[in-house]
C-alpha atoms as a PDB file:
ATOM      1  CA  MET A   1       8.086-100.071 -31.463  1.00  0.00           C
ATOM      2  CA  SER A   2      10.918-101.513 -34.078  1.00  0.00           C
ATOM      3  CA  ASP A   3      14.647 -99.802 -34.708  1.00  0.00           C
ATOM      4  CA  LEU A   4      13.847-100.281 -38.288  1.00  0.00           C
ATOM      5  CA  PRO A   5      14.757 -97.132 -40.448  1.00  0.00           C
ATOM      6  CA  ALA A   6      11.671 -96.343 -42.262  1.00  0.00           C
ATOM      7  CA  VAL A   7      11.055 -93.422 -44.651  1.00  0.00           C
ATOM      8  CA  PHE A   8       7.755 -91.888 -46.333  1.00  0.00           C
ATOM      9  CA  LEU A   9       8.693 -90.556 -49.796  1.00  0.00           C
ATOM     10  CA  ASP A  10       5.690 -88.165 -50.517  1.00  0.00           C
ATOM     11  CA  LEU A  11       4.016 -87.147 -47.007  1.00  0.00           C
ATOM     12  CA  ALA A  12       2.508 -83.804 -48.273  1.00  0.00           C
ATOM     13  CA  SER A  13       0.321 -85.716 -50.663  1.00  0.00           C
ATOM     14  CA  VAL A  14      -1.794 -87.104 -47.633  1.00  0.00           C
ATOM     15  CA  ASP A  15      -1.182 -84.409 -45.207  1.00  0.00           C
ATOM     16  CA  ARG A  16      -1.542 -80.998 -44.317  1.00  0.00           C
ATOM     17  CA  GLY A  17      -0.348 -80.595 -41.279  1.00  0.00           C
ATOM     18  CA  ASP A  18      -3.420 -80.866 -39.760  1.00  0.00           C
ATOM     19  CA  LEU A  19      -3.294 -85.411 -39.039  1.00  0.00           C
ATOM     20  CA  ASP A  20      -2.068 -87.276 -36.134  1.00  0.00           C
ATOM     21  CA  LEU A  21       0.953 -89.131 -36.502  1.00  0.00           C
ATOM     22  CA  SER A  22       1.800 -90.630 -33.378  1.00  0.00           C
ATOM     23  CA  ARG A  23       0.637 -94.407 -34.666  1.00  0.00           C
ATOM     24  CA  LEU A  24       3.005 -93.565 -37.510  1.00  0.00           C
ATOM     25  CA  GLN A  25       5.594 -92.597 -35.974  1.00  0.00           C
ATOM     26  CA  GLY A  26       5.256 -95.322 -32.779  1.00  0.00           C
ATOM     27  CA  VAL A  27       5.987 -98.549 -34.614  1.00  0.00           C
ATOM     28  CA  CYS A  28       9.600 -97.428 -36.065  1.00  0.00           C
ATOM     29  CA  GLY A  29      11.642 -95.265 -34.419  1.00  0.00           C
ATOM     30  CA  ARG A  30      13.582 -94.260 -37.137  1.00  0.00           C
ATOM     31  CA  TRP A  31      11.562 -91.952 -39.227  1.00  0.00           C
ATOM     32  CA  VAL A  32      12.547 -89.577 -42.625  1.00  0.00           C
ATOM     33  CA  LEU A  33      10.073 -87.926 -43.536  1.00  0.00           C
ATOM     34  CA  HIS A  34       9.729 -85.849 -46.983  1.00  0.00           C
ATOM     35  CA  THR A  35       6.988 -83.547 -48.764  1.00  0.00           C
ATOM     36  CA  ARG A  36       7.495 -85.176 -51.667  1.00  0.00           C
ATOM     37  CA  THR A  37      10.405 -86.966 -53.763  1.00  0.00           C
ATOM     38  CA  PRO A  38      10.884 -85.279 -57.439  1.00  0.00           C
ATOM     39  CA  VAL A  39      11.767 -88.492 -59.904  1.00  0.00           C
ATOM     40  CA  GLY A  40      15.849 -87.839 -59.260  1.00  0.00           C
ATOM     41  CA  LEU A  41      15.723 -88.252 -55.638  1.00  0.00           C
ATOM     42  CA  THR A  42      14.151 -90.890 -55.286  1.00  0.00           C
ATOM     43  CA  ALA A  43      16.674 -93.735 -54.990  1.00  0.00           C
ATOM     44  CA  GLY A  44      18.712 -91.579 -52.554  1.00  0.00           C
ATOM     45  CA  ARG A  45      15.631 -91.311 -50.557  1.00  0.00           C
ATOM     46  CA  LEU A  46      16.058 -95.140 -50.724  1.00  0.00           C
ATOM     47  CA  ALA A  47      19.115 -95.980 -49.292  1.00  0.00           C
ATOM     48  CA  GLY A  48      19.447 -97.395 -46.590  1.00  0.00           C
ATOM     49  CA  ALA A  49      15.635 -97.790 -45.854  1.00  0.00           C
ATOM     50  CA  ALA A  50      13.924-100.611 -44.715  1.00  0.00           C
ATOM     51  CA  VAL A  51      10.504 -99.570 -44.883  1.00  0.00           C
ATOM     52  CA  VAL A  52       9.369 -97.475 -47.142  1.00  0.00           C
ATOM     53  CA  VAL A  53       5.756 -95.652 -47.725  1.00  0.00           C
ATOM     54  CA  THR A  54       4.918 -94.191 -51.070  1.00  0.00           C
ATOM     55  CA  ASN A  55       1.399 -92.342 -52.253  1.00  0.00           C
ATOM     56  CA  LYS A  56       2.468 -91.915 -55.652  1.00  0.00           C
ATOM     57  CA  VAL A  57       6.323 -92.076 -56.080  1.00  0.00           C
ATOM     58  CA  VAL A  58       7.173 -94.604 -58.063  1.00  0.00           C
ATOM     59  CA  ILE A  59       9.034 -97.696 -57.000  1.00  0.00           C
ATOM     60  CA  ASP A  60      10.158 -99.381 -60.756  1.00  0.00           C
ATOM     61  CA  GLN A  61      12.704-102.369 -61.100  1.00  0.00           C
ATOM     62  CA  PRO A  62      15.966-100.277 -61.149  1.00  0.00           C
ATOM     63  CA  LEU A  63      15.111 -98.612 -58.125  1.00  0.00           C
ATOM     64  CA  LEU A  64      14.540-102.009 -56.325  1.00  0.00           C
ATOM     65  CA  ARG A  65      18.224-103.699 -57.553  1.00  0.00           C
ATOM     66  CA  ALA A  66      19.475-100.252 -55.825  1.00  0.00           C
ATOM     67  CA  ALA A  67      17.820-100.645 -52.956  1.00  0.00           C
ATOM     68  CA  PRO A  68      19.065-104.265 -51.182  1.00  0.00           C
ATOM     69  CA  ASP A  69      17.693-103.290 -47.428  1.00  0.00           C
ATOM     70  CA  LEU A  70      14.668-102.706 -48.662  1.00  0.00           C
ATOM     71  CA  ARG A  71      12.454-104.648 -46.870  1.00  0.00           C
ATOM     72  CA  LEU A  72       8.588-103.176 -46.921  1.00  0.00           C
ATOM     73  CA  ILE A  73       6.750-100.827 -49.523  1.00  0.00           C
ATOM     74  CA  CYS A  74       3.691 -99.657 -47.496  1.00  0.00           C
ATOM     75  CA  VAL A  75       1.239 -97.952 -50.718  1.00  0.00           C
ATOM     76  CA  ALA A  76      -0.399 -95.474 -48.426  1.00  0.00           C
ATOM     77  CA  ALA A  77      -3.408 -95.741 -51.096  1.00  0.00           C
ATOM     78  CA  THR A  78      -5.720 -98.709 -52.717  1.00  0.00           C
ATOM     79  CA  GLY A  79      -4.021 -98.477 -56.002  1.00  0.00           C
ATOM     80  CA  THR A  80      -0.566-100.212 -56.383  1.00  0.00           C
ATOM     81  CA  ASN A  81       0.704 -99.531 -59.892  1.00  0.00           C
ATOM     82  CA  ASN A  82       3.365 -97.131 -59.000  1.00  0.00           C
ATOM     83  CA  VAL A  83       5.115-100.622 -57.368  1.00  0.00           C
ATOM     84  CA  ASP A  84       7.281-103.107 -59.733  1.00  0.00           C
ATOM     85  CA  LEU A  85       4.878-106.059 -57.736  1.00  0.00           C
ATOM     86  CA  ALA A  86       6.508-108.958 -59.717  1.00  0.00           C
ATOM     87  CA  ALA A  87      10.172-107.357 -59.271  1.00  0.00           C
ATOM     88  CA  ALA A  88       9.358-106.836 -55.464  1.00  0.00           C
ATOM     89  CA  ARG A  89       8.239-110.880 -54.948  1.00  0.00           C
ATOM     90  CA  GLU A  90      11.121-111.443 -57.066  1.00  0.00           C
ATOM     91  CA  ARG A  91      13.412-109.906 -54.792  1.00  0.00           C
ATOM     92  CA  GLY A  92      11.856-110.851 -51.675  1.00  0.00           C
ATOM     93  CA  ILE A  93      10.071-107.373 -50.546  1.00  0.00           C
ATOM     94  CA  ALA A  94       6.646-107.482 -49.017  1.00  0.00           C
ATOM     95  CA  VAL A  95       4.287-104.615 -50.317  1.00  0.00           C
ATOM     96  CA  CYS A  96       0.664-103.543 -49.004  1.00  0.00           C
ATOM     97  CA  ASN A  97      -1.763-101.499 -49.972  1.00  0.00           C
ATOM     98  CA  VAL A  98      -5.044 -99.785 -47.764  1.00  0.00           C
ATOM     99  CA  THR A  99      -8.459-100.543 -48.755  1.00  0.00           C
ATOM    100  CA  GLY A 100     -11.750 -98.866 -47.838  1.00  0.00           C
ATOM    101  CA  TYR A 101     -10.433 -96.216 -45.684  1.00  0.00           C
ATOM    102  CA  ALA A 102     -12.413 -93.374 -48.191  1.00  0.00           C
ATOM    103  CA  THR A 103     -15.321 -94.834 -48.368  1.00  0.00           C
ATOM    104  CA  ALA A 104     -17.603 -92.485 -46.414  1.00  0.00           C
ATOM    105  CA  SER A 105     -15.410 -89.767 -48.154  1.00  0.00           C
ATOM    106  CA  VAL A 106     -15.629 -90.461 -51.278  1.00  0.00           C
ATOM    107  CA  VAL A 107     -19.903 -91.567 -51.555  1.00  0.00           C
ATOM    108  CA  GLN A 108     -20.425 -88.075 -50.076  1.00  0.00           C
ATOM    109  CA  HIS A 109     -18.322 -86.447 -52.359  1.00  0.00           C
ATOM    110  CA  VAL A 110     -20.313 -88.427 -55.670  1.00  0.00           C
ATOM    111  CA  TYR A 111     -23.807 -87.167 -53.981  1.00  0.00           C
ATOM    112  CA  ALA A 112     -22.665 -83.475 -54.046  1.00  0.00           C
ATOM    113  CA  LEU A 113     -21.399 -83.704 -57.229  1.00  0.00           C
ATOM    114  CA  MET A 114     -24.836 -85.398 -57.945  1.00  0.00           C
ATOM    115  CA  LEU A 115     -26.763 -83.113 -55.476  1.00  0.00           C
ATOM    116  CA  SER A 116     -25.420 -80.127 -57.286  1.00  0.00           C
ATOM    117  CA  LEU A 117     -26.167 -80.924 -60.884  1.00  0.00           C
ATOM    118  CA  THR A 118     -29.590 -82.054 -60.391  1.00  0.00           C
ATOM    119  CA  ALA A 119     -30.059 -78.639 -58.072  1.00  0.00           C
ATOM    120  CA  ARG A 120     -28.538 -76.704 -60.639  1.00  0.00           C
ATOM    121  CA  LEU A 121     -27.159 -75.189 -57.510  1.00  0.00           C
ATOM    122  CA  ALA A 122     -24.594 -72.973 -59.378  1.00  0.00           C
ATOM    123  CA  GLU A 123     -27.346 -71.305 -61.548  1.00  0.00           C
ATOM    124  CA  HIS A 124     -29.158 -70.435 -58.673  1.00  0.00           C
ATOM    125  CA  VAL A 125     -25.967 -69.253 -56.378  1.00  0.00           C
ATOM    126  CA  ALA A 126     -25.404 -66.979 -58.778  1.00  0.00           C
ATOM    127  CA  ALA A 127     -28.816 -66.443 -59.445  1.00  0.00           C
ATOM    128  CA  ALA A 128     -29.251 -64.769 -55.881  1.00  0.00           C
ATOM    129  CA  ARG A 129     -25.484 -62.925 -56.363  1.00  0.00           C
ATOM    130  CA  ASP A 130     -25.710 -61.419 -59.728  1.00  0.00           C
ATOM    131  CA  GLY A 131     -29.555 -59.221 -59.070  1.00  0.00           C
ATOM    132  CA  ARG A 132     -31.854 -61.676 -60.429  1.00  0.00           C
ATOM    133  CA  TRP A 133     -33.688 -62.522 -57.517  1.00  0.00           C
ATOM    134  CA  ALA A 134     -33.732 -58.794 -56.381  1.00  0.00           C
ATOM    135  CA  ALA A 135     -35.050 -57.659 -59.560  1.00  0.00           C
ATOM    136  CA  SER A 136     -37.470 -60.767 -59.643  1.00  0.00           C
ATOM    137  CA  GLU A 137     -40.985 -59.888 -59.734  1.00  0.00           C
ATOM    138  CA  GLN A 138     -41.683 -62.509 -57.468  1.00  0.00           C
ATOM    139  CA  PHE A 139     -40.486 -63.996 -54.278  1.00  0.00           C
ATOM    140  CA  CYS A 140     -38.312 -66.278 -56.216  1.00  0.00           C
ATOM    141  CA  VAL A 141     -36.205 -67.342 -58.994  1.00  0.00           C
ATOM    142  CA  LEU A 142     -37.747 -70.187 -61.315  1.00  0.00           C
ATOM    143  CA  ASP A 143     -35.198 -69.774 -64.569  1.00  0.00           C
ATOM    144  CA  PHE A 144     -33.868 -73.063 -63.951  1.00  0.00           C
ATOM    145  CA  PRO A 145     -35.720 -75.782 -63.567  1.00  0.00           C
ATOM    146  CA  PHE A 146     -34.878 -78.495 -62.305  1.00  0.00           C
ATOM    147  CA  ARG A 147     -35.295 -82.745 -61.216  1.00  0.00           C
ATOM    148  CA  GLU A 148     -35.688 -84.706 -58.152  1.00  0.00           C
ATOM    149  CA  LEU A 149     -33.759 -87.773 -57.417  1.00  0.00           C
ATOM    150  CA  THR A 150     -36.451 -89.514 -56.085  1.00  0.00           C
ATOM    151  CA  GLY A 151     -38.242 -92.374 -58.500  1.00  0.00           C
ATOM    152  CA  LYS A 152     -34.585 -91.854 -60.874  1.00  0.00           C
ATOM    153  CA  THR A 153     -32.493 -94.198 -61.832  1.00  0.00           C
ATOM    154  CA  LEU A 154     -29.133 -94.992 -60.775  1.00  0.00           C
ATOM    155  CA  GLY A 155     -26.885 -97.026 -62.779  1.00  0.00           C
ATOM    156  CA  VAL A 156     -23.597 -98.099 -60.841  1.00  0.00           C
ATOM    157  CA  VAL A 157     -20.502 -99.177 -62.958  1.00  0.00           C
ATOM    158  CA  GLY A 158     -18.378-101.407 -60.174  1.00  0.00           C
ATOM    159  CA  TYR A 159     -20.421-102.580 -57.350  1.00  0.00           C
ATOM    160  CA  GLY A 160     -17.065-103.126 -54.873  1.00  0.00           C
ATOM    161  CA  GLU A 161     -17.162-101.262 -51.643  1.00  0.00           C
ATOM    162  CA  LEU A 162     -17.485 -98.040 -53.161  1.00  0.00           C
ATOM    163  CA  GLY A 163     -20.058 -98.210 -55.212  1.00  0.00           C
ATOM    164  CA  ARG A 164     -21.945-100.217 -52.923  1.00  0.00           C
ATOM    165  CA  GLY A 165     -21.348 -97.835 -50.731  1.00  0.00           C
ATOM    166  CA  VAL A 166     -22.977 -95.069 -53.589  1.00  0.00           C
ATOM    167  CA  ALA A 167     -25.840 -97.366 -54.090  1.00  0.00           C
ATOM    168  CA  ARG A 168     -27.435 -97.783 -50.035  1.00  0.00           C
ATOM    169  CA  VAL A 169     -27.621 -93.890 -50.399  1.00  0.00           C
ATOM    170  CA  ALA A 170     -29.659 -93.981 -53.708  1.00  0.00           C
ATOM    171  CA  GLU A 171     -31.841 -96.562 -52.587  1.00  0.00           C
ATOM    172  CA  ALA A 172     -32.425 -94.042 -48.983  1.00  0.00           C
ATOM    173  CA  LEU A 173     -33.066 -90.544 -51.611  1.00  0.00           C
ATOM    174  CA  GLY A 174     -36.025 -93.280 -53.268  1.00  0.00           C
ATOM    175  CA  MET A 175     -33.632 -94.138 -56.304  1.00  0.00           C
ATOM    176  CA  ARG A 176     -33.809 -97.495 -58.510  1.00  0.00           C
ATOM    177  CA  VAL A 177     -30.110 -99.261 -58.933  1.00  0.00           C
ATOM    178  CA  LEU A 178     -29.257-101.078 -61.775  1.00  0.00           C
ATOM    179  CA  VAL A 179     -25.849-102.626 -61.426  1.00  0.00           C
ATOM    180  CA  ALA A 180     -23.788-102.817 -64.578  1.00  0.00           C
ATOM    181  CA  GLN A 181     -21.730-106.574 -64.960  1.00  0.00           C
ATOM    182  CA  ARG A 182     -18.334-106.770 -64.590  1.00  0.00           C
ATOM    183  CA  PRO A 183     -16.420-105.374 -67.562  1.00  0.00           C
ATOM    184  CA  GLY A 184     -15.159-108.311 -69.502  1.00  0.00           C
ATOM    185  CA  GLY A 185     -16.422-110.554 -67.061  1.00  0.00           C
ATOM    186  CA  PRO A 186     -19.317-113.306 -67.257  1.00  0.00           C
ATOM    187  CA  PRO A 187     -22.871-112.587 -66.827  1.00  0.00           C
ATOM    188  CA  ALA A 188     -23.399-112.340 -63.121  1.00  0.00           C
ATOM    189  CA  PRO A 189     -27.500-112.655 -62.045  1.00  0.00           C
ATOM    190  CA  GLY A 190     -28.907-109.023 -60.412  1.00  0.00           C
ATOM    191  CA  ARG A 191     -26.416-107.488 -62.800  1.00  0.00           C
ATOM    192  CA  VAL A 192     -27.244-105.590 -66.511  1.00  0.00           C
ATOM    193  CA  ALA A 193     -25.171-105.621 -69.509  1.00  0.00           C
ATOM    194  CA  LEU A 194     -23.106-101.668 -69.547  1.00  0.00           C
ATOM    195  CA  ALA A 195     -24.941-100.872 -72.957  1.00  0.00           C
ATOM    196  CA  GLU A 196     -28.915-101.682 -70.927  1.00  0.00           C
ATOM    197  CA  LEU A 197     -27.764 -99.885 -68.059  1.00  0.00           C
ATOM    198  CA  LEU A 198     -26.690 -96.022 -69.793  1.00  0.00           C
ATOM    199  CA  ALA A 199     -29.626 -96.706 -71.743  1.00  0.00           C
ATOM    200  CA  ALA A 200     -31.767 -96.725 -68.475  1.00  0.00           C
ATOM    201  CA  SER A 201     -30.276 -94.806 -66.026  1.00  0.00           C
ATOM    202  CA  ASP A 202     -30.669 -90.940 -64.868  1.00  0.00           C
ATOM    203  CA  VAL A 203     -27.754 -90.880 -63.443  1.00  0.00           C
ATOM    204  CA  VAL A 204     -24.586 -93.093 -64.292  1.00  0.00           C
ATOM    205  CA  THR A 205     -21.563 -93.451 -61.648  1.00  0.00           C
ATOM    206  CA  LEU A 206     -18.276 -95.105 -62.433  1.00  0.00           C
ATOM    207  CA  HIS A 207     -16.211 -97.190 -59.369  1.00  0.00           C
ATOM    208  CA  VAL A 208     -14.195 -99.366 -61.362  1.00  0.00           C
ATOM    209  CA  PRO A 209     -10.562 -99.676 -61.482  1.00  0.00           C
ATOM    210  CA  LEU A 210      -8.323 -98.378 -64.028  1.00  0.00           C
ATOM    211  CA  ALA A 211      -6.752-101.318 -66.657  1.00  0.00           C
ATOM    212  CA  GLU A 212      -6.928-102.841 -69.417  1.00  0.00           C
ATOM    213  CA  ASN A 213     -10.581-103.936 -70.077  1.00  0.00           C
ATOM    214  CA  THR A 214     -11.749-100.602 -68.513  1.00  0.00           C
ATOM    215  CA  ARG A 215      -9.446 -98.039 -69.966  1.00  0.00           C
ATOM    216  CA  GLY A 216     -11.954 -95.515 -72.319  1.00  0.00           C
ATOM    217  CA  LEU A 217     -14.692 -97.666 -70.942  1.00  0.00           C
ATOM    218  CA  ILE A 218     -17.454 -94.367 -71.866  1.00  0.00           C
ATOM    219  CA  GLY A 219     -16.771 -93.416 -75.301  1.00  0.00           C
ATOM    220  CA  ARG A 220     -18.990 -91.492 -77.544  1.00  0.00           C
ATOM    221  CA  ARG A 221     -20.920 -94.759 -78.041  1.00  0.00           C
ATOM    222  CA  GLU A 222     -22.055 -95.161 -74.799  1.00  0.00           C
ATOM    223  CA  LEU A 223     -22.010 -91.081 -74.183  1.00  0.00           C
ATOM    224  CA  ALA A 224     -24.596 -91.382 -77.343  1.00  0.00           C
ATOM    225  CA  SER A 225     -26.515 -94.103 -75.967  1.00  0.00           C
ATOM    226  CA  MET A 226     -27.218 -92.269 -72.577  1.00  0.00           C
ATOM    227  CA  ARG A 227     -30.323 -90.150 -71.964  1.00  0.00           C
ATOM    228  CA  PRO A 228     -29.921 -86.850 -73.227  1.00  0.00           C
ATOM    229  CA  ASP A 229     -30.832 -85.292 -69.767  1.00  0.00           C
ATOM    230  CA  ALA A 230     -28.659 -88.222 -67.982  1.00  0.00           C
ATOM    231  CA  LEU A 231     -26.015 -86.914 -64.968  1.00  0.00           C
ATOM    232  CA  LEU A 232     -22.198 -89.397 -65.795  1.00  0.00           C
ATOM    233  CA  ILE A 233     -19.977 -88.923 -62.167  1.00  0.00           C
ATOM    234  CA  ASN A 234     -16.607 -90.116 -62.371  1.00  0.00           C
ATOM    235  CA  THR A 235     -14.746 -90.607 -58.986  1.00  0.00           C
ATOM    236  CA  ALA A 236     -13.025 -93.425 -60.019  1.00  0.00           C
ATOM    237  CA  ARG A 237     -10.247 -92.791 -62.436  1.00  0.00           C
ATOM    238  CA  GLY A 238      -9.858 -90.552 -65.454  1.00  0.00           C
ATOM    239  CA  GLY A 239      -8.956 -92.667 -67.793  1.00  0.00           C
ATOM    240  CA  LEU A 240     -12.096 -94.491 -68.214  1.00  0.00           C
ATOM    241  CA  VAL A 241     -13.636 -91.497 -69.932  1.00  0.00           C
ATOM    242  CA  ASP A 242     -12.967 -90.381 -73.398  1.00  0.00           C
ATOM    243  CA  GLU A 243     -12.725 -86.919 -72.037  1.00  0.00           C
ATOM    244  CA  ALA A 244     -13.140 -84.718 -76.133  1.00  0.00           C
ATOM    245  CA  ALA A 245     -15.971 -87.084 -76.282  1.00  0.00           C
ATOM    246  CA  LEU A 246     -17.357 -86.041 -73.267  1.00  0.00           C
ATOM    247  CA  ALA A 247     -17.248 -82.155 -73.505  1.00  0.00           C
ATOM    248  CA  ASP A 248     -18.404 -82.614 -76.969  1.00  0.00           C
ATOM    249  CA  ALA A 249     -21.614 -84.335 -75.547  1.00  0.00           C
ATOM    250  CA  LEU A 250     -22.348 -81.438 -73.270  1.00  0.00           C
ATOM    251  CA  ARG A 251     -21.472 -78.530 -75.759  1.00  0.00           C
ATOM    252  CA  ALA A 252     -23.958 -80.290 -77.650  1.00  0.00           C
ATOM    253  CA  GLY A 253     -26.820 -80.490 -75.600  1.00  0.00           C
ATOM    254  CA  ARG A 254     -26.386 -84.747 -76.082  1.00  0.00           C
ATOM    255  CA  LEU A 255     -25.954 -85.408 -71.964  1.00  0.00           C
ATOM    256  CA  GLY A 256     -27.850 -83.283 -69.058  1.00  0.00           C
ATOM    257  CA  GLY A 257     -24.489 -82.564 -66.662  1.00  0.00           C
ATOM    258  CA  ALA A 258     -21.548 -84.346 -65.600  1.00  0.00           C
ATOM    259  CA  GLY A 259     -19.463 -84.160 -62.266  1.00  0.00           C
ATOM    260  CA  VAL A 260     -15.377 -85.506 -62.631  1.00  0.00           C
ATOM    261  CA  ASP A 261     -12.935 -85.849 -59.931  1.00  0.00           C
ATOM    262  CA  VAL A 262     -10.185 -87.487 -62.144  1.00  0.00           C
ATOM    263  CA  LEU A 263      -8.664 -86.333 -65.355  1.00  0.00           C
ATOM    264  CA  ALA A 264      -6.622 -88.844 -67.475  1.00  0.00           C
ATOM    265  CA  THR A 265      -3.532 -86.521 -66.650  1.00  0.00           C
ATOM    266  CA  GLU A 266      -2.977 -85.087 -63.216  1.00  0.00           C
ATOM    267  CA  PRO A 267      -2.232 -82.308 -62.520  1.00  0.00           C
ATOM    268  CA  PRO A 268      -3.368 -81.690 -65.961  1.00  0.00           C
ATOM    269  CA  ARG A 269      -0.225 -79.764 -66.652  1.00  0.00           C
ATOM    270  CA  ASP A 270      -0.344 -79.384 -70.577  1.00  0.00           C
ATOM    271  CA  GLY A 271      -4.548 -78.728 -70.718  1.00  0.00           C
ATOM    272  CA  ASN A 272      -7.556 -80.556 -70.568  1.00  0.00           C
ATOM    273  CA  PRO A 273     -10.381 -80.287 -72.456  1.00  0.00           C
ATOM    274  CA  LEU A 274     -12.653 -80.716 -69.358  1.00  0.00           C
ATOM    275  CA  LEU A 275     -10.875 -77.501 -67.927  1.00  0.00           C
ATOM    276  CA  ASP A 276     -12.212 -75.564 -70.841  1.00  0.00           C
ATOM    277  CA  PRO A 277     -14.574 -73.205 -69.051  1.00  0.00           C
ATOM    278  CA  SER A 278     -17.084 -73.056 -72.094  1.00  0.00           C
ATOM    279  CA  VAL A 279     -18.219 -76.670 -71.567  1.00  0.00           C
ATOM    280  CA  PRO A 280     -21.330 -76.119 -69.861  1.00  0.00           C
ATOM    281  CA  ASN A 281     -23.132 -78.167 -66.885  1.00  0.00           C
ATOM    282  CA  LEU A 282     -20.122 -79.718 -65.792  1.00  0.00           C
ATOM    283  CA  ILE A 283     -18.155 -80.055 -62.471  1.00  0.00           C
ATOM    284  CA  VAL A 284     -14.345 -80.711 -62.016  1.00  0.00           C
ATOM    285  CA  THR A 285     -12.826 -81.194 -58.821  1.00  0.00           C
ATOM    286  CA  PRO A 286      -9.111 -81.632 -58.299  1.00  0.00           C
ATOM    287  CA  HIS A 287      -9.360 -85.656 -57.428  1.00  0.00           C
ATOM    288  CA  VAL A 288     -10.563 -85.069 -53.526  1.00  0.00           C
ATOM    289  CA  ALA A 289     -12.735 -87.350 -53.440  1.00  0.00           C
ATOM    290  CA  TRP A 290     -11.220 -89.470 -51.005  1.00  0.00           C
ATOM    291  CA  ALA A 291      -9.559 -86.494 -48.957  1.00  0.00           C
ATOM    292  CA  SER A 292     -11.757 -85.929 -46.191  1.00  0.00           C
ATOM    293  CA  ARG A 293      -9.286 -85.392 -43.186  1.00  0.00           C
ATOM    294  CA  GLU A 294     -11.027 -88.075 -40.882  1.00  0.00           C
ATOM    295  CA  SER A 295     -10.524 -90.658 -44.156  1.00  0.00           C
ATOM    296  CA  ARG A 296      -6.796 -89.211 -44.780  1.00  0.00           C
ATOM    297  CA  GLN A 297      -6.340 -90.228 -41.109  1.00  0.00           C
ATOM    298  CA  ARG A 298      -7.295 -93.502 -41.651  1.00  0.00           C
ATOM    299  CA  LEU A 299      -5.483 -94.352 -43.658  1.00  0.00           C
ATOM    300  CA  LEU A 300      -2.350 -93.226 -42.083  1.00  0.00           C
ATOM    301  CA  ASP A 301      -3.367 -94.759 -39.111  1.00  0.00           C
ATOM    302  CA  GLU A 302      -3.908 -98.315 -41.380  1.00  0.00           C
ATOM    303  CA  VAL A 303      -0.543 -98.097 -42.896  1.00  0.00           C
ATOM    304  CA  ALA A 304       0.291 -97.557 -39.320  1.00  0.00           C
ATOM    305  CA  GLU A 305      -1.098-101.376 -38.798  1.00  0.00           C
ATOM    306  CA  ASN A 306       0.154-102.486 -41.904  1.00  0.00           C
ATOM    307  CA  ILE A 307       3.888-102.066 -40.638  1.00  0.00           C
ATOM    308  CA  ARG A 308       3.459-103.359 -37.007  1.00  0.00           C
ATOM    309  CA  ALA A 309       2.110-106.374 -38.463  1.00  0.00           C
ATOM    310  CA  PHE A 310       5.115-106.891 -40.775  1.00  0.00           C
ATOM    311  CA  VAL A 311       7.169-106.267 -38.010  1.00  0.00           C
ATOM    312  CA  ALA A 312       5.424-109.037 -36.336  1.00  0.00           C
ATOM    313  CA  GLY A 313       5.300-111.293 -38.791  1.00  0.00           C
ATOM    314  CA  GLU A 314       2.144-111.109 -39.520  1.00  0.00           C
ATOM    315  CA  SER A 315       0.506-111.062 -43.303  1.00  0.00           C
ATOM    316  CA  ARG A 316      -1.779-107.686 -43.436  1.00  0.00           C
ATOM    317  CA  ASN A 317      -2.941-106.348 -46.588  1.00  0.00           C
ATOM    318  CA  ARG A 318      -0.232-107.899 -48.833  1.00  0.00           C
ATOM    319  CA  VAL A 319      -0.065-107.797 -52.794  1.00  0.00           C
ATOM    320  CA  ALA A 320       2.786-109.129 -52.823  1.00  0.00           C
END
């Protein structure tokens, strides 16, 4: 166990009291665990710390300059956009992230959304509860026709670990899989242009990071090119999709449905076009695709391993 002073800035964003913290606490003997850290308190909580763990709390250049004892930043996530990596390198502060911890959870959630929309689950549950089934003249309610996924085409945009995991399940369901060319990248064998994928797919699922070349990746033009009965699934980042355009397409019946786990601004303080209850054939969940209990436990255990490796002089999951 290291005696380095360590602080976790936003533990509640990962742990709701249902995780085992023993591995994390075992790598440093002097932990301060904060459930959350408001912006104005970050500097004070970094003071004197050698190791800091953050999920979403921003650590920018001014904060780094004001934390002379800081040696390691562990991001309890894959994305590191909340840390000024260039400033960390300049000050010799190591930065680590965690990858691959949520694959099973995200893949499961993608199919929860996809299957719910395909089977028109909400409508069928409502029909069982609101009396339509009891009033039926036959044994079943056939008011909401639906299709099978077998034989349909899944378009995967972003073919990293998550995209590959979703594709494997699609193949098990008997779906044909198309993979999009990397946004802004050169043509690659076995991949198709995004425009071709959108036009040919029954379901499109997004798994790319949010960057300058992916922001607004799915806008009005792209939505218009999709089949009118197609589904769009987004468990990646909200900024990939023009949310107003998606709401309009669903209202106009130009798209079969959408399942969204992420929004451009989170939490959505000032409303969002996708939270309007009048938008049909839409499921919105509050950024939980990654958050199974098993996934969150793996995340904390991986953070602990990153700290252990740093103390031992090893390089593990270093991004700076």
